[in-house]
Amino acid sequence: MSEKGYSPNVYTYSSLIDRLFKDKRLDLALKVLSKMVENSCAPNVVIYTEMIDGLCKVGKTDEAYKLMLMMEEKGCYPNVVTYTAMIDGFGKAGKIEKCLELFKEMSSKGCAPNFVTYRVLINHCCSTGLLDEAHKLLDEMKQTYWPKHMVGYHKVIEGYNREFMNSLGILDQMSECGSVSIIHIYRVLIDNFVKAGRLEFALELHDEISSSSPFTSVNKNMFTSLIESLLHANKVSKALELFADMIRQGGIPELMTLFDLIKGLIKINKWDEALQLTDSICQMDIHWLLQEETSDRK
């Protein structure tokens, strides 16, 4: 291109660098960047950010940070996307203190964090156990983004499952907002409490959401998960109570749930109850089975 008298411009370099990163030819991409500077074609913030993000994605966070410092020296200042990419890179490398340092730095330089920045940093704080910091960030985030972006709060809820009562405190805040997505947050909490073996908390939350929302496929999944967990914990009587509650609310149980209940009853020598449940299944109309299959496909 140069031999024919054409000088590559910033868009040409940008396209080439982007292609090289996609092909994982990072060293060559950095050489192209150096060549770009040599040719007095100043890289813009988009090119620098692409380079920084690409380096972070392959674990080269130190090189990415050096590049960010270099861009500032060249008079090209990082924007919110640049900072977010760098924060995410350090977070994935386990350098949470560096993440928080960059977060403070961007604010001090007049670069306001956006929702993605908060979401990324909250996620990394939760992953490393900095739950107080995550809560603080959540409070800041709420000033601008509540309740528009529920995914970020979803991440905080997941992190706070390590501190059960604290997570319930955040849930109270979310419930006050009356968000239509709150049932999905309940489901996340219930699933994680079940996985952690804290069935008492899972059942408590289930009672709350069941009493305040209509029966849906999400409720059905929560019922099914809890029944299976109770049976696994040999709490057959409680599983039967939950099963009866599900039926009263108009839920259609899956056949596998019924079979698991029967096996649970047999396991504790409640043969009469097992036979009654078996008879109930046999007497069910074929339309019930068809309705269950249709419901599962939705």
C-alpha atoms as a PDB file:
ATOM      1  CA  MET A   1       0.000   0.000   0.000  1.00  0.00           C
ATOM      2  CA  SER A   2       2.801   2.402   0.967  1.00  0.00           C
ATOM      3  CA  GLU A   3       4.829   1.388  -2.096  1.00  0.00           C
ATOM      4  CA  LYS A   4       2.023   2.658  -4.323  1.00  0.00           C
ATOM      5  CA  GLY A   5       2.017   6.045  -2.645  1.00  0.00           C
ATOM      6  CA  TYR A   6      -0.944   5.465  -0.352  1.00  0.00           C
ATOM      7  CA  SER A   7      -0.588   6.190   3.341  1.00  0.00           C
ATOM      8  CA  PRO A   8      -2.728   4.111   5.691  1.00  0.00           C
ATOM      9  CA  ASN A   9      -5.015   6.200   7.871  1.00  0.00           C
ATOM     10  CA  VAL A  10      -6.390   5.578  11.339  1.00  0.00           C
ATOM     11  CA  TYR A  11      -9.284   3.503   9.994  1.00  0.00           C
ATOM     12  CA  THR A  12      -6.930   1.267   8.001  1.00  0.00           C
ATOM     13  CA  TYR A  13      -4.775   0.649  11.045  1.00  0.00           C
ATOM     14  CA  SER A  14      -7.833   0.083  13.214  1.00  0.00           C
ATOM     15  CA  SER A  15      -9.219  -2.571  10.861  1.00  0.00           C
ATOM     16  CA  LEU A  16      -5.846  -4.315  10.645  1.00  0.00           C
ATOM     17  CA  ILE A  17      -5.324  -4.326  14.411  1.00  0.00           C
ATOM     18  CA  ASP A  18      -8.845  -5.619  14.983  1.00  0.00           C
ATOM     19  CA  ARG A  19      -8.267  -8.449  12.500  1.00  0.00           C
ATOM     20  CA  LEU A  20      -4.943  -9.382  14.085  1.00  0.00           C
ATOM     21  CA  PHE A  21      -6.520  -9.544  17.540  1.00  0.00           C
ATOM     22  CA  LYS A  22      -9.312 -11.766  16.259  1.00  0.00           C
ATOM     23  CA  ASP A  23      -6.642 -14.048  14.782  1.00  0.00           C
ATOM     24  CA  LYS A  24      -4.831 -13.989  18.163  1.00  0.00           C
ATOM     25  CA  ARG A  25      -1.712 -12.468  16.595  1.00  0.00           C
ATOM     26  CA  LEU A  26      -1.142 -10.087  19.489  1.00  0.00           C
ATOM     27  CA  ASP A  27       2.564  -9.457  18.997  1.00  0.00           C
ATOM     28  CA  LEU A  28       1.998  -8.432  15.398  1.00  0.00           C
ATOM     29  CA  ALA A  29      -0.892  -6.186  16.445  1.00  0.00           C
ATOM     30  CA  LEU A  30       1.416  -4.377  18.874  1.00  0.00           C
ATOM     31  CA  LYS A  31       4.006  -3.955  16.111  1.00  0.00           C
ATOM     32  CA  VAL A  32       1.348  -2.419  13.877  1.00  0.00           C
ATOM     33  CA  LEU A  33       0.510  -0.005  16.687  1.00  0.00           C
ATOM     34  CA  SER A  34       4.186   0.984  16.994  1.00  0.00           C
ATOM     35  CA  LYS A  35       4.386   1.449  13.234  1.00  0.00           C
ATOM     36  CA  MET A  36       1.292   3.596  13.378  1.00  0.00           C
ATOM     37  CA  VAL A  37       2.945   5.904  15.910  1.00  0.00           C
ATOM     38  CA  GLU A  38       6.151   6.012  13.848  1.00  0.00           C
ATOM     39  CA  ASN A  39       4.150   7.159  10.836  1.00  0.00           C
ATOM     40  CA  SER A  40       2.709  10.045  12.864  1.00  0.00           C
ATOM     41  CA  CYS A  41      -0.754   8.525  12.659  1.00  0.00           C
ATOM     42  CA  ALA A  42      -1.951   8.945  16.220  1.00  0.00           C
ATOM     43  CA  PRO A  43      -4.084   6.036  17.460  1.00  0.00           C
ATOM     44  CA  ASN A  44      -7.444   7.144  18.800  1.00  0.00           C
ATOM     45  CA  VAL A  45      -9.162   5.975  21.968  1.00  0.00           C
ATOM     46  CA  VAL A  46     -11.054   3.269  20.056  1.00  0.00           C
ATOM     47  CA  ILE A  47      -7.844   1.633  18.815  1.00  0.00           C
ATOM     48  CA  TYR A  48      -6.179   1.805  22.215  1.00  0.00           C
ATOM     49  CA  THR A  49      -9.274   0.385  23.888  1.00  0.00           C
ATOM     50  CA  GLU A  50      -9.462  -2.504  21.414  1.00  0.00           C
ATOM     51  CA  MET A  51      -5.829  -3.299  22.152  1.00  0.00           C
ATOM     52  CA  ILE A  52      -6.300  -3.069  25.923  1.00  0.00           C
ATOM     53  CA  ASP A  53      -9.448  -5.201  25.849  1.00  0.00           C
ATOM     54  CA  GLY A  54      -7.764  -7.788  23.637  1.00  0.00           C
ATOM     55  CA  LEU A  55      -4.735  -8.050  25.913  1.00  0.00           C
ATOM     56  CA  CYS A  56      -6.947  -8.380  28.994  1.00  0.00           C
ATOM     57  CA  LYS A  57      -8.961 -11.163  27.397  1.00  0.00           C
ATOM     58  CA  VAL A  58      -5.827 -13.273  26.972  1.00  0.00           C
ATOM     59  CA  GLY A  59      -4.631 -12.572  30.508  1.00  0.00           C
ATOM     60  CA  LYS A  60      -1.968  -9.987  29.650  1.00  0.00           C
ATOM     61  CA  THR A  61      -3.267  -7.390  32.084  1.00  0.00           C
ATOM     62  CA  ASP A  62       0.129  -5.898  32.921  1.00  0.00           C
ATOM     63  CA  GLU A  63       0.818  -5.236  29.233  1.00  0.00           C
ATOM     64  CA  ALA A  64      -2.669  -3.789  28.874  1.00  0.00           C
ATOM     65  CA  TYR A  65      -2.107  -1.440  31.803  1.00  0.00           C
ATOM     66  CA  LYS A  66       1.232  -0.271  30.386  1.00  0.00           C
ATOM     67  CA  LEU A  67      -0.564   0.478  27.133  1.00  0.00           C
ATOM     68  CA  MET A  68      -3.186   2.511  28.984  1.00  0.00           C
ATOM     69  CA  LEU A  69      -0.454   4.558  30.658  1.00  0.00           C
ATOM     70  CA  MET A  70       1.232   5.041  27.301  1.00  0.00           C
ATOM     71  CA  MET A  71      -1.936   6.308  25.652  1.00  0.00           C
ATOM     72  CA  GLU A  72      -2.252   8.979  28.336  1.00  0.00           C
ATOM     73  CA  GLU A  73       1.353  10.016  27.748  1.00  0.00           C
ATOM     74  CA  LYS A  74       0.495  10.425  24.066  1.00  0.00           C
ATOM     75  CA  GLY A  75      -2.411  12.710  24.957  1.00  0.00           C
ATOM     76  CA  CYS A  76      -5.151  10.157  24.297  1.00  0.00           C
ATOM     77  CA  TYR A  77      -7.201   9.701  27.441  1.00  0.00           C
ATOM     78  CA  PRO A  78      -9.070   6.514  28.420  1.00  0.00           C
ATOM     79  CA  ASN A  79     -12.861   6.620  28.271  1.00  0.00           C
ATOM     80  CA  VAL A  80     -15.395   4.626  30.270  1.00  0.00           C
ATOM     81  CA  VAL A  81     -15.055   1.631  27.921  1.00  0.00           C
ATOM     82  CA  THR A  82     -11.268   1.620  28.353  1.00  0.00           C
ATOM     83  CA  TYR A  83     -11.499   1.758  32.140  1.00  0.00           C
ATOM     84  CA  THR A  84     -14.194  -0.923  32.234  1.00  0.00           C
ATOM     85  CA  ALA A  85     -12.102  -3.276  30.083  1.00  0.00           C
ATOM     86  CA  MET A  86      -9.092  -2.709  32.334  1.00  0.00           C
ATOM     87  CA  ILE A  87     -11.115  -3.184  35.533  1.00  0.00           C
ATOM     88  CA  ASP A  88     -12.545  -6.431  34.173  1.00  0.00           C
ATOM     89  CA  GLY A  89      -9.073  -7.598  33.189  1.00  0.00           C
ATOM     90  CA  PHE A  90      -7.625  -6.966  36.639  1.00  0.00           C
ATOM     91  CA  GLY A  91     -10.698  -8.555  38.232  1.00  0.00           C
ATOM     92  CA  LYS A  92     -10.272 -11.760  36.253  1.00  0.00           C
ATOM     93  CA  ALA A  93      -6.610 -11.770  37.254  1.00  0.00           C
ATOM     94  CA  GLY A  94      -7.638 -11.611  40.925  1.00  0.00           C
ATOM     95  CA  LYS A  95      -6.291  -8.080  41.409  1.00  0.00           C
ATOM     96  CA  ILE A  96      -9.391  -6.604  43.011  1.00  0.00           C
ATOM     97  CA  GLU A  97      -7.493  -3.806  44.792  1.00  0.00           C
ATOM     98  CA  LYS A  98      -6.260  -2.596  41.415  1.00  0.00           C
ATOM     99  CA  CYS A  99      -9.856  -2.662  40.161  1.00  0.00           C
ATOM    100  CA  LEU A 100     -10.988  -0.414  43.001  1.00  0.00           C
ATOM    101  CA  GLU A 101      -8.012   1.872  42.452  1.00  0.00           C
ATOM    102  CA  LEU A 102      -8.909   2.308  38.778  1.00  0.00           C
ATOM    103  CA  PHE A 103     -12.555   2.888  39.673  1.00  0.00           C
ATOM    104  CA  LYS A 104     -11.580   5.772  41.960  1.00  0.00           C
ATOM    105  CA  GLU A 105      -9.129   7.092  39.388  1.00  0.00           C
ATOM    106  CA  MET A 106     -11.674   7.282  36.589  1.00  0.00           C
ATOM    107  CA  SER A 107     -14.091   9.211  38.774  1.00  0.00           C
ATOM    108  CA  SER A 108     -11.373  11.632  39.869  1.00  0.00           C
ATOM    109  CA  LYS A 109     -10.536  12.284  36.214  1.00  0.00           C
ATOM    110  CA  GLY A 110     -14.126  13.106  35.322  1.00  0.00           C
ATOM    111  CA  CYS A 111     -14.857   9.798  33.592  1.00  0.00           C
ATOM    112  CA  ALA A 112     -18.182   8.673  35.057  1.00  0.00           C
ATOM    113  CA  PRO A 113     -18.714   4.900  35.399  1.00  0.00           C
ATOM    114  CA  ASN A 114     -21.664   3.475  33.473  1.00  0.00           C
ATOM    115  CA  PHE A 115     -23.886   0.534  34.326  1.00  0.00           C
ATOM    116  CA  VAL A 116     -21.485  -1.976  32.776  1.00  0.00           C
ATOM    117  CA  THR A 117     -18.623  -0.623  34.898  1.00  0.00           C
ATOM    118  CA  TYR A 118     -20.683  -1.064  38.059  1.00  0.00           C
ATOM    119  CA  ARG A 119     -21.847  -4.517  37.028  1.00  0.00           C
ATOM    120  CA  VAL A 120     -18.311  -5.709  36.279  1.00  0.00           C
ATOM    121  CA  LEU A 121     -16.860  -4.326  39.508  1.00  0.00           C
ATOM    122  CA  ILE A 122     -19.737  -5.588  41.665  1.00  0.00           C
ATOM    123  CA  ASN A 123     -19.323  -9.051  40.186  1.00  0.00           C
ATOM    124  CA  HIS A 124     -15.593  -9.122  40.947  1.00  0.00           C
ATOM    125  CA  CYS A 125     -16.132  -7.782  44.478  1.00  0.00           C
ATOM    126  CA  CYS A 126     -18.649 -10.543  45.133  1.00  0.00           C
ATOM    127  CA  SER A 127     -16.352 -13.185  43.658  1.00  0.00           C
ATOM    128  CA  THR A 128     -13.513 -12.173  45.976  1.00  0.00           C
ATOM    129  CA  GLY A 129     -15.663 -11.822  49.089  1.00  0.00           C
ATOM    130  CA  LEU A 130     -15.657  -8.013  49.298  1.00  0.00           C
ATOM    131  CA  LEU A 131     -19.368  -7.966  50.044  1.00  0.00           C
ATOM    132  CA  ASP A 132     -19.373  -4.667  51.949  1.00  0.00           C
ATOM    133  CA  GLU A 133     -17.734  -2.999  48.961  1.00  0.00           C
ATOM    134  CA  ALA A 134     -20.264  -4.646  46.641  1.00  0.00           C
ATOM    135  CA  HIS A 135     -23.090  -3.309  48.795  1.00  0.00           C
ATOM    136  CA  LYS A 136     -21.581   0.183  48.709  1.00  0.00           C
ATOM    137  CA  LEU A 137     -21.338   0.034  44.908  1.00  0.00           C
ATOM    138  CA  LEU A 138     -24.912  -1.201  44.748  1.00  0.00           C
ATOM    139  CA  ASP A 139     -26.068   1.844  46.702  1.00  0.00           C
ATOM    140  CA  GLU A 140     -24.212   4.131  44.276  1.00  0.00           C
ATOM    141  CA  MET A 141     -25.588   2.256  41.300  1.00  0.00           C
ATOM    142  CA  LYS A 142     -29.153   2.545  42.566  1.00  0.00           C
ATOM    143  CA  GLN A 143     -29.017   6.330  42.303  1.00  0.00           C
ATOM    144  CA  THR A 144     -28.942   6.127  38.508  1.00  0.00           C
ATOM    145  CA  TYR A 145     -29.786   2.641  37.318  1.00  0.00           C
ATOM    146  CA  TRP A 146     -32.456   1.240  39.685  1.00  0.00           C
ATOM    147  CA  PRO A 147     -34.544  -0.720  38.712  1.00  0.00           C
ATOM    148  CA  LYS A 148     -33.764  -0.547  34.988  1.00  0.00           C
ATOM    149  CA  HIS A 149     -30.861  -2.992  34.944  1.00  0.00           C
ATOM    150  CA  MET A 150     -31.688  -6.038  37.059  1.00  0.00           C
ATOM    151  CA  VAL A 151     -28.741  -8.157  35.888  1.00  0.00           C
ATOM    152  CA  GLY A 152     -26.310  -6.237  38.069  1.00  0.00           C
ATOM    153  CA  TYR A 153     -28.437  -6.782  41.153  1.00  0.00           C
ATOM    154  CA  HIS A 154     -28.760 -10.438  40.181  1.00  0.00           C
ATOM    155  CA  LYS A 155     -24.944 -10.647  40.413  1.00  0.00           C
ATOM    156  CA  VAL A 156     -24.924  -9.026  43.832  1.00  0.00           C
ATOM    157  CA  ILE A 157     -27.569 -11.457  45.058  1.00  0.00           C
ATOM    158  CA  GLU A 158     -25.454 -14.390  43.854  1.00  0.00           C
ATOM    159  CA  GLY A 159     -22.410 -13.036  45.653  1.00  0.00           C
ATOM    160  CA  TYR A 160     -24.293 -12.394  48.857  1.00  0.00           C
ATOM    161  CA  ASN A 161     -25.396 -15.995  49.066  1.00  0.00           C
ATOM    162  CA  ARG A 162     -22.134 -16.565  50.899  1.00  0.00           C
ATOM    163  CA  GLU A 163     -23.564 -14.365  53.642  1.00  0.00           C
ATOM    164  CA  PHE A 164     -27.138 -15.573  53.823  1.00  0.00           C
ATOM    165  CA  MET A 165     -28.750 -12.957  56.020  1.00  0.00           C
ATOM    166  CA  ASN A 166     -27.014 -10.101  54.223  1.00  0.00           C
ATOM    167  CA  SER A 167     -28.397 -11.338  50.935  1.00  0.00           C
ATOM    168  CA  LEU A 168     -31.869 -11.316  52.430  1.00  0.00           C
ATOM    169  CA  GLY A 169     -31.285  -7.709  53.453  1.00  0.00           C
ATOM    170  CA  ILE A 170     -30.611  -6.750  49.845  1.00  0.00           C
ATOM    171  CA  LEU A 171     -33.656  -8.721  48.771  1.00  0.00           C
ATOM    172  CA  ASP A 172     -35.795  -6.576  51.069  1.00  0.00           C
ATOM    173  CA  GLN A 173     -34.523  -3.458  49.279  1.00  0.00           C
ATOM    174  CA  MET A 174     -35.345  -4.968  45.908  1.00  0.00           C
ATOM    175  CA  SER A 175     -38.812  -6.039  47.000  1.00  0.00           C
ATOM    176  CA  GLU A 176     -39.640  -2.471  48.007  1.00  0.00           C
ATOM    177  CA  CYS A 177     -39.135  -1.384  44.395  1.00  0.00           C
ATOM    178  CA  GLY A 178     -41.918  -3.699  43.199  1.00  0.00           C
ATOM    179  CA  SER A 179     -39.933  -4.889  40.184  1.00  0.00           C
ATOM    180  CA  VAL A 180     -41.684  -7.434  37.975  1.00  0.00           C
ATOM    181  CA  SER A 181     -38.372  -9.325  37.761  1.00  0.00           C
ATOM    182  CA  ILE A 182     -38.222  -9.994  41.496  1.00  0.00           C
ATOM    183  CA  ILE A 183     -39.519 -13.560  41.084  1.00  0.00           C
ATOM    184  CA  HIS A 184     -36.416 -14.422  39.071  1.00  0.00           C
ATOM    185  CA  ILE A 185     -34.231 -13.027  41.851  1.00  0.00           C
ATOM    186  CA  TYR A 186     -36.111 -15.224  44.314  1.00  0.00           C
ATOM    187  CA  ARG A 187     -35.466 -18.195  42.075  1.00  0.00           C
ATOM    188  CA  VAL A 188     -31.724 -17.457  42.010  1.00  0.00           C
ATOM    189  CA  LEU A 189     -31.656 -17.230  45.792  1.00  0.00           C
ATOM    190  CA  ILE A 190     -33.723 -20.374  46.300  1.00  0.00           C
ATOM    191  CA  ASP A 191     -31.586 -22.393  43.891  1.00  0.00           C
ATOM    192  CA  ASN A 192     -28.382 -21.268  45.581  1.00  0.00           C
ATOM    193  CA  PHE A 193     -29.708 -21.861  49.087  1.00  0.00           C
ATOM    194  CA  VAL A 194     -30.686 -25.372  48.000  1.00  0.00           C
ATOM    195  CA  LYS A 195     -27.206 -25.996  46.557  1.00  0.00           C
ATOM    196  CA  ALA A 196     -25.673 -24.755  49.801  1.00  0.00           C
ATOM    197  CA  GLY A 197     -27.863 -27.122  51.820  1.00  0.00           C
ATOM    198  CA  ARG A 198     -29.755 -24.283  53.510  1.00  0.00           C
ATOM    199  CA  LEU A 199     -33.255 -25.622  52.906  1.00  0.00           C
ATOM    200  CA  GLU A 200     -34.740 -23.612  55.774  1.00  0.00           C
ATOM    201  CA  PHE A 201     -33.874 -20.349  54.017  1.00  0.00           C
ATOM    202  CA  ALA A 202     -35.021 -21.706  50.661  1.00  0.00           C
ATOM    203  CA  LEU A 203     -38.398 -22.691  52.103  1.00  0.00           C
ATOM    204  CA  GLU A 204     -38.779 -19.331  53.840  1.00  0.00           C
ATOM    205  CA  LEU A 205     -38.210 -17.472  50.580  1.00  0.00           C
ATOM    206  CA  HIS A 206     -40.481 -19.861  48.724  1.00  0.00           C
ATOM    207  CA  ASP A 207     -43.313 -19.133  51.150  1.00  0.00           C
ATOM    208  CA  GLU A 208     -42.822 -15.395  50.607  1.00  0.00           C
ATOM    209  CA  ILE A 209     -42.931 -15.498  46.814  1.00  0.00           C
ATOM    210  CA  SER A 210     -45.730 -18.093  46.673  1.00  0.00           C
ATOM    211  CA  SER A 211     -48.000 -15.940  48.806  1.00  0.00           C
ATOM    212  CA  SER A 212     -47.406 -12.796  46.756  1.00  0.00           C
ATOM    213  CA  SER A 213     -47.363 -13.938  43.124  1.00  0.00           C
ATOM    214  CA  PRO A 214     -49.574 -16.021  40.803  1.00  0.00           C
ATOM    215  CA  PHE A 215     -48.522 -19.553  39.898  1.00  0.00           C
ATOM    216  CA  THR A 216     -46.228 -19.578  36.864  1.00  0.00           C
ATOM    217  CA  SER A 217     -43.705 -21.882  35.234  1.00  0.00           C
ATOM    218  CA  VAL A 218     -41.048 -20.215  37.400  1.00  0.00           C
ATOM    219  CA  ASN A 219     -43.007 -21.127  40.546  1.00  0.00           C
ATOM    220  CA  LYS A 220     -43.391 -24.667  39.252  1.00  0.00           C
ATOM    221  CA  ASN A 221     -39.651 -25.017  38.807  1.00  0.00           C
ATOM    222  CA  MET A 222     -39.083 -23.734  42.332  1.00  0.00           C
ATOM    223  CA  PHE A 223     -41.644 -26.195  43.724  1.00  0.00           C
ATOM    224  CA  THR A 224     -40.060 -29.073  41.812  1.00  0.00           C
ATOM    225  CA  SER A 225     -36.530 -28.171  42.894  1.00  0.00           C
ATOM    226  CA  LEU A 226     -37.523 -27.893  46.543  1.00  0.00           C
ATOM    227  CA  ILE A 227     -39.519 -31.138  46.528  1.00  0.00           C
ATOM    228  CA  GLU A 228     -36.560 -33.001  45.031  1.00  0.00           C
ATOM    229  CA  SER A 229     -34.188 -31.458  47.580  1.00  0.00           C
ATOM    230  CA  LEU A 230     -36.452 -32.308  50.502  1.00  0.00           C
ATOM    231  CA  LEU A 231     -36.748 -35.898  49.314  1.00  0.00           C
ATOM    232  CA  HIS A 232     -32.986 -36.109  48.938  1.00  0.00           C
ATOM    233  CA  ALA A 233     -32.684 -34.877  52.537  1.00  0.00           C
ATOM    234  CA  ASN A 234     -35.202 -37.562  53.628  1.00  0.00           C
ATOM    235  CA  LYS A 235     -37.741 -34.894  54.581  1.00  0.00           C
ATOM    236  CA  VAL A 236     -40.572 -36.749  52.876  1.00  0.00           C
ATOM    237  CA  SER A 237     -43.404 -35.308  54.970  1.00  0.00           C
ATOM    238  CA  LYS A 238     -42.328 -31.749  54.167  1.00  0.00           C
ATOM    239  CA  ALA A 239     -41.999 -32.681  50.500  1.00  0.00           C
ATOM    240  CA  LEU A 240     -45.581 -33.981  50.533  1.00  0.00           C
ATOM    241  CA  GLU A 241     -46.782 -30.746  52.159  1.00  0.00           C
ATOM    242  CA  LEU A 242     -45.105 -28.747  49.424  1.00  0.00           C
ATOM    243  CA  PHE A 243     -46.559 -31.047  46.772  1.00  0.00           C
ATOM    244  CA  ALA A 244     -50.070 -30.543  48.185  1.00  0.00           C
ATOM    245  CA  ASP A 245     -49.508 -26.780  48.237  1.00  0.00           C
ATOM    246  CA  MET A 246     -48.460 -26.885  44.587  1.00  0.00           C
ATOM    247  CA  ILE A 247     -51.647 -28.749  43.634  1.00  0.00           C
ATOM    248  CA  ARG A 248     -53.793 -26.258  45.582  1.00  0.00           C
ATOM    249  CA  GLN A 249     -52.227 -23.400  43.605  1.00  0.00           C
ATOM    250  CA  GLY A 250     -53.131 -25.073  40.330  1.00  0.00           C
ATOM    251  CA  GLY A 251     -49.715 -26.482  39.555  1.00  0.00           C
ATOM    252  CA  ILE A 252     -49.339 -29.526  37.339  1.00  0.00           C
ATOM    253  CA  PRO A 253     -46.605 -31.777  38.730  1.00  0.00           C
ATOM    254  CA  GLU A 254     -44.199 -33.595  36.478  1.00  0.00           C
ATOM    255  CA  LEU A 255     -44.467 -37.373  36.384  1.00  0.00           C
ATOM    256  CA  MET A 256     -40.881 -37.674  37.603  1.00  0.00           C
ATOM    257  CA  THR A 257     -41.791 -35.626  40.676  1.00  0.00           C
ATOM    258  CA  LEU A 258     -44.649 -38.023  41.420  1.00  0.00           C
ATOM    259  CA  PHE A 259     -42.417 -41.057  40.981  1.00  0.00           C
ATOM    260  CA  ASP A 260     -39.820 -39.508  43.292  1.00  0.00           C
ATOM    261  CA  LEU A 261     -42.503 -38.913  45.920  1.00  0.00           C
ATOM    262  CA  ILE A 262     -43.645 -42.524  45.677  1.00  0.00           C
ATOM    263  CA  LYS A 263     -40.072 -43.763  46.076  1.00  0.00           C
ATOM    264  CA  GLY A 264     -39.633 -41.437  49.047  1.00  0.00           C
ATOM    265  CA  LEU A 265     -42.741 -42.823  50.734  1.00  0.00           C
ATOM    266  CA  ILE A 266     -41.617 -46.392  50.147  1.00  0.00           C
ATOM    267  CA  LYS A 267     -38.201 -45.559  51.566  1.00  0.00           C
ATOM    268  CA  ILE A 268     -39.764 -44.595  54.919  1.00  0.00           C
ATOM    269  CA  ASN A 269     -42.182 -47.547  54.804  1.00  0.00           C
ATOM    270  CA  LYS A 270     -45.310 -45.488  54.149  1.00  0.00           C
ATOM    271  CA  TRP A 271     -46.722 -48.050  51.752  1.00  0.00           C
ATOM    272  CA  ASP A 272     -50.371 -47.007  52.094  1.00  0.00           C
ATOM    273  CA  GLU A 273     -49.597 -43.413  51.118  1.00  0.00           C
ATOM    274  CA  ALA A 274     -47.419 -44.636  48.252  1.00  0.00           C
ATOM    275  CA  LEU A 275     -50.253 -46.817  46.935  1.00  0.00           C
ATOM    276  CA  GLN A 276     -52.730 -43.927  47.242  1.00  0.00           C
ATOM    277  CA  LEU A 277     -50.453 -41.686  45.214  1.00  0.00           C
ATOM    278  CA  THR A 278     -49.954 -44.465  42.657  1.00  0.00           C
ATOM    279  CA  ASP A 279     -53.723 -44.895  42.338  1.00  0.00           C
ATOM    280  CA  SER A 280     -54.101 -41.138  41.873  1.00  0.00           C
ATOM    281  CA  ILE A 281     -51.648 -41.210  38.975  1.00  0.00           C
ATOM    282  CA  CYS A 282     -53.451 -44.130  37.346  1.00  0.00           C
ATOM    283  CA  GLN A 283     -56.802 -42.324  37.630  1.00  0.00           C
ATOM    284  CA  MET A 284     -55.538 -39.111  36.085  1.00  0.00           C
ATOM    285  CA  ASP A 285     -57.047 -38.213  32.739  1.00  0.00           C
ATOM    286  CA  ILE A 286     -54.859 -38.399  29.623  1.00  0.00           C
ATOM    287  CA  HIS A 287     -55.518 -34.667  29.105  1.00  0.00           C
ATOM    288  CA  TRP A 288     -53.582 -33.982  32.292  1.00  0.00           C
ATOM    289  CA  LEU A 289     -50.521 -35.666  30.809  1.00  0.00           C
ATOM    290  CA  LEU A 290     -50.905 -33.767  27.555  1.00  0.00           C
ATOM    291  CA  GLN A 291     -51.245 -30.513  29.461  1.00  0.00           C
ATOM    292  CA  GLU A 292     -48.039 -31.271  31.347  1.00  0.00           C
ATOM    293  CA  GLU A 293     -46.139 -31.926  28.113  1.00  0.00           C
ATOM    294  CA  THR A 294     -47.480 -28.722  26.568  1.00  0.00           C
ATOM    295  CA  SER A 295     -46.515 -26.747  29.671  1.00  0.00           C
ATOM    296  CA  ASP A 296     -42.962 -28.120  29.607  1.00  0.00           C
ATOM    297  CA  ARG A 297     -42.481 -27.004  26.012  1.00  0.00           C
ATOM    298  CA  LYS A 298     -43.400 -23.390  26.780  1.00  0.00           C
END
